[in-house]
Amino acid sequence: MNLLDIRAYVCPMTWVKAKIALDGLAPGDSLEVLLRDGEPLENLPRTAEEEGHSVALRERAPEAGADAWRVVLVKGAGEISKET
């Protein structure tokens, strides 16, 4: 599993960094993301799901800091078409 530590970033850079990392993976591959509580934890999983990826895990990561969380994203087969 690939690891991405974005605790030093704020939105929207948290999603930009995660998207770049996901773009380098094959569909079905996992990306473990370390991020901070608050806006990054709210926005990153939601945006990932909106883009066709899934959230396999969301848990506190106390070993990475008091406000750190671990989110595991699984890359989807491709972006969801926005056409109606």
N, C-alpha and C. Protein backbone atom coordinates (compact mmCIF):
# COMPACT_ATOMS: atom_id res chain seq x y z
N MET A 1 0.85 -1.18 0.00
CA MET A 1 0.00 0.00 0.00
C MET A 1 0.89 1.24 0.00
N ASN A 2 0.50 2.21 -0.76
CA ASN A 2 1.21 3.47 -0.85
C ASN A 2 0.81 4.38 0.30
N LEU A 3 1.75 5.19 0.78
CA LEU A 3 1.50 6.11 1.89
C LEU A 3 1.70 7.54 1.44
N LEU A 4 0.75 8.40 1.81
CA LEU A 4 0.83 9.83 1.51
C LEU A 4 0.56 10.59 2.80
N ASP A 5 1.53 11.39 3.22
CA ASP A 5 1.38 12.21 4.43
C ASP A 5 1.11 13.64 4.02
N ILE A 6 -0.13 14.09 4.23
CA ILE A 6 -0.50 15.46 3.86
C ILE A 6 -0.91 16.29 5.08
N ARG A 7 -0.38 15.92 6.24
CA ARG A 7 -0.71 16.65 7.47
C ARG A 7 -0.25 18.10 7.42
N ALA A 8 0.74 18.41 6.62
CA ALA A 8 1.27 19.78 6.55
C ALA A 8 0.47 20.67 5.61
N TYR A 9 -0.52 20.12 4.92
CA TYR A 9 -1.27 20.88 3.91
C TYR A 9 -2.69 21.18 4.38
N VAL A 10 -3.27 22.21 3.77
CA VAL A 10 -4.67 22.57 4.01
C VAL A 10 -5.43 22.44 2.70
N CYS A 11 -6.75 22.40 2.80
CA CYS A 11 -7.60 22.32 1.61
C CYS A 11 -7.45 23.58 0.79
N PRO A 12 -7.42 23.51 -0.51
CA PRO A 12 -7.67 22.34 -1.34
C PRO A 12 -6.43 21.53 -1.70
N MET A 13 -5.26 21.91 -1.16
CA MET A 13 -4.03 21.19 -1.51
C MET A 13 -4.05 19.74 -1.03
N THR A 14 -4.83 19.45 0.02
CA THR A 14 -4.90 18.06 0.46
C THR A 14 -5.46 17.17 -0.65
N TRP A 15 -6.51 17.63 -1.33
CA TRP A 15 -7.08 16.84 -2.43
C TRP A 15 -6.14 16.83 -3.63
N VAL A 16 -5.49 17.93 -3.92
CA VAL A 16 -4.56 17.99 -5.06
C VAL A 16 -3.47 16.94 -4.88
N LYS A 17 -2.88 16.89 -3.70
CA LYS A 17 -1.82 15.91 -3.42
C LYS A 17 -2.36 14.48 -3.52
N ALA A 18 -3.55 14.23 -2.96
CA ALA A 18 -4.13 12.89 -3.00
C ALA A 18 -4.47 12.50 -4.44
N LYS A 19 -5.01 13.42 -5.21
CA LYS A 19 -5.37 13.13 -6.60
C LYS A 19 -4.14 12.76 -7.42
N ILE A 20 -3.05 13.49 -7.24
CA ILE A 20 -1.81 13.17 -7.95
C ILE A 20 -1.34 11.77 -7.59
N ALA A 21 -1.40 11.44 -6.30
CA ALA A 21 -0.99 10.10 -5.87
C ALA A 21 -1.91 9.02 -6.44
N LEU A 22 -3.22 9.26 -6.42
CA LEU A 22 -4.18 8.30 -6.98
C LEU A 22 -3.99 8.12 -8.48
N ASP A 23 -3.66 9.20 -9.18
CA ASP A 23 -3.45 9.11 -10.63
C ASP A 23 -2.33 8.15 -10.99
N GLY A 24 -1.37 7.97 -10.08
CA GLY A 24 -0.25 7.07 -10.33
C GLY A 24 -0.53 5.62 -9.99
N LEU A 25 -1.75 5.32 -9.52
CA LEU A 25 -2.10 3.96 -9.12
C LEU A 25 -2.99 3.29 -10.15
N ALA A 26 -3.01 1.98 -10.12
CA ALA A 26 -3.91 1.21 -10.97
C ALA A 26 -5.26 1.09 -10.25
N PRO A 27 -6.35 0.94 -11.00
CA PRO A 27 -7.65 0.73 -10.36
C PRO A 27 -7.60 -0.45 -9.38
N GLY A 28 -8.16 -0.24 -8.20
CA GLY A 28 -8.15 -1.26 -7.16
C GLY A 28 -7.00 -1.14 -6.18
N ASP A 29 -5.99 -0.34 -6.52
CA ASP A 29 -4.87 -0.12 -5.61
C ASP A 29 -5.30 0.79 -4.47
N SER A 30 -4.62 0.66 -3.33
CA SER A 30 -4.95 1.44 -2.14
C SER A 30 -3.92 2.52 -1.87
N LEU A 31 -4.40 3.61 -1.30
CA LEU A 31 -3.56 4.73 -0.89
C LEU A 31 -3.89 5.05 0.56
N GLU A 32 -2.90 4.93 1.43
CA GLU A 32 -3.07 5.30 2.83
C GLU A 32 -2.68 6.77 2.96
N VAL A 33 -3.60 7.58 3.48
CA VAL A 33 -3.37 9.02 3.60
C VAL A 33 -3.39 9.41 5.07
N LEU A 34 -2.34 10.10 5.51
CA LEU A 34 -2.32 10.68 6.85
C LEU A 34 -2.70 12.14 6.71
N LEU A 35 -3.72 12.57 7.45
CA LEU A 35 -4.18 13.95 7.36
C LEU A 35 -4.66 14.43 8.72
N ARG A 36 -4.91 15.73 8.80
CA ARG A 36 -5.34 16.33 10.07
C ARG A 36 -6.85 16.31 10.19
N ASP A 37 -7.29 16.38 11.44
CA ASP A 37 -8.71 16.48 11.75
C ASP A 37 -9.25 17.81 11.22
N GLY A 38 -10.55 17.89 11.10
CA GLY A 38 -11.18 19.12 10.64
C GLY A 38 -11.48 19.08 9.16
N GLU A 39 -11.26 20.20 8.49
CA GLU A 39 -11.62 20.33 7.09
C GLU A 39 -10.99 19.26 6.19
N PRO A 40 -9.69 18.95 6.33
CA PRO A 40 -9.13 17.90 5.47
C PRO A 40 -9.83 16.55 5.65
N LEU A 41 -10.15 16.19 6.88
CA LEU A 41 -10.82 14.92 7.15
C LEU A 41 -12.25 14.91 6.62
N GLU A 42 -12.89 16.04 6.60
CA GLU A 42 -14.26 16.13 6.06
C GLU A 42 -14.26 16.12 4.53
N ASN A 43 -13.36 16.89 3.93
CA ASN A 43 -13.40 17.10 2.49
C ASN A 43 -12.74 16.01 1.66
N LEU A 44 -11.60 15.49 2.09
CA LEU A 44 -10.87 14.54 1.26
C LEU A 44 -11.66 13.27 0.98
N PRO A 45 -12.22 12.59 2.00
CA PRO A 45 -13.00 11.38 1.69
C PRO A 45 -14.22 11.67 0.81
N ARG A 46 -14.91 12.76 1.07
CA ARG A 46 -16.08 13.11 0.27
C ARG A 46 -15.70 13.35 -1.19
N THR A 47 -14.65 14.11 -1.41
CA THR A 47 -14.22 14.40 -2.78
C THR A 47 -13.75 13.14 -3.48
N ALA A 48 -13.03 12.29 -2.78
CA ALA A 48 -12.56 11.03 -3.37
C ALA A 48 -13.75 10.19 -3.84
N GLU A 49 -14.78 10.09 -3.01
CA GLU A 49 -15.97 9.32 -3.40
C GLU A 49 -16.69 9.97 -4.58
N GLU A 50 -16.75 11.30 -4.60
CA GLU A 50 -17.38 12.00 -5.72
C GLU A 50 -16.63 11.73 -7.03
N GLU A 51 -15.33 11.46 -6.94
CA GLU A 51 -14.50 11.20 -8.12
C GLU A 51 -14.47 9.72 -8.49
N GLY A 52 -15.23 8.88 -7.78
CA GLY A 52 -15.33 7.47 -8.14
C GLY A 52 -14.43 6.52 -7.37
N HIS A 53 -13.79 7.01 -6.33
CA HIS A 53 -12.94 6.17 -5.49
C HIS A 53 -13.74 5.77 -4.25
N SER A 54 -13.22 4.81 -3.49
CA SER A 54 -13.93 4.43 -2.27
C SER A 54 -13.04 4.63 -1.05
N VAL A 55 -13.69 4.81 0.08
CA VAL A 55 -12.99 4.97 1.36
C VAL A 55 -13.10 3.65 2.10
N ALA A 56 -11.97 2.97 2.25
CA ALA A 56 -11.95 1.66 2.88
C ALA A 56 -11.78 1.75 4.40
N LEU A 57 -11.19 2.84 4.88
CA LEU A 57 -10.89 2.96 6.31
C LEU A 57 -10.76 4.43 6.67
N ARG A 58 -11.27 4.76 7.85
CA ARG A 58 -11.10 6.09 8.42
C ARG A 58 -10.92 5.88 9.91
N GLU A 59 -9.71 6.18 10.43
CA GLU A 59 -9.45 5.97 11.85
C GLU A 59 -8.42 6.97 12.35
N ARG A 60 -8.45 7.18 13.66
CA ARG A 60 -7.44 8.04 14.28
C ARG A 60 -6.08 7.39 14.11
N ALA A 61 -5.04 8.22 14.01
CA ALA A 61 -3.66 7.74 13.91
C ALA A 61 -2.82 8.43 14.97
N PRO A 62 -3.03 8.07 16.25
CA PRO A 62 -2.34 8.78 17.33
C PRO A 62 -0.82 8.70 17.25
N GLU A 63 -0.31 7.66 16.61
CA GLU A 63 1.15 7.55 16.47
C GLU A 63 1.72 8.64 15.57
N ALA A 64 0.86 9.30 14.78
CA ALA A 64 1.29 10.36 13.87
C ALA A 64 0.98 11.75 14.43
N GLY A 65 0.42 11.84 15.61
CA GLY A 65 0.11 13.13 16.22
C GLY A 65 -1.30 13.15 16.79
N ALA A 66 -1.54 14.09 17.69
CA ALA A 66 -2.81 14.15 18.41
C ALA A 66 -4.02 14.36 17.50
N ASP A 67 -3.86 15.13 16.43
CA ASP A 67 -5.00 15.40 15.55
C ASP A 67 -4.88 14.68 14.21
N ALA A 68 -4.08 13.61 14.17
CA ALA A 68 -3.86 12.89 12.92
C ALA A 68 -4.89 11.77 12.71
N TRP A 69 -5.25 11.60 11.45
CA TRP A 69 -6.17 10.55 11.03
C TRP A 69 -5.56 9.78 9.87
N ARG A 70 -5.97 8.54 9.73
CA ARG A 70 -5.58 7.69 8.61
C ARG A 70 -6.83 7.39 7.79
N VAL A 71 -6.75 7.66 6.51
CA VAL A 71 -7.83 7.35 5.58
C VAL A 71 -7.22 6.48 4.48
N VAL A 72 -7.86 5.35 4.20
CA VAL A 72 -7.39 4.50 3.12
C VAL A 72 -8.38 4.63 1.97
N LEU A 73 -7.85 5.08 0.83
CA LEU A 73 -8.65 5.23 -0.38
C LEU A 73 -8.32 4.09 -1.33
N VAL A 74 -9.33 3.60 -2.01
CA VAL A 74 -9.14 2.58 -3.04
C VAL A 74 -9.49 3.23 -4.37
N LYS A 75 -8.53 3.19 -5.29
CA LYS A 75 -8.74 3.85 -6.58
C LYS A 75 -9.84 3.15 -7.35
N GLY A 76 -10.76 3.95 -7.87
CA GLY A 76 -11.85 3.42 -8.69
C GLY A 76 -11.39 3.17 -10.11
N ALA A 77 -12.29 2.65 -10.91
CA ALA A 77 -11.96 2.31 -12.29
C ALA A 77 -11.79 3.55 -13.16
N GLY A 78 -12.26 4.67 -12.70
CA GLY A 78 -12.14 5.92 -13.45
C GLY A 78 -13.10 6.94 -12.88
N GLU A 79 -12.92 8.17 -13.30
CA GLU A 79 -13.81 9.21 -12.80
C GLU A 79 -15.22 8.96 -13.27
N ILE A 80 -16.16 9.27 -12.43
CA ILE A 80 -17.58 9.12 -12.76
C ILE A 80 -17.94 10.19 -13.78
N SER A 81 -18.65 9.79 -14.79
CA SER A 81 -19.07 10.73 -15.82
C SER A 81 -20.07 11.71 -15.23
N LYS A 82 -19.88 12.98 -15.51
CA LYS A 82 -20.77 14.02 -15.00
C LYS A 82 -21.93 14.28 -15.97
N GLU A 83 -21.98 13.54 -17.08
CA GLU A 83 -23.04 13.74 -18.06
C GLU A 83 -24.37 13.24 -17.53
N THR A 84 -25.44 13.87 -17.98
CA THR A 84 -26.77 13.45 -17.56
C THR A 84 -27.51 12.81 -18.70
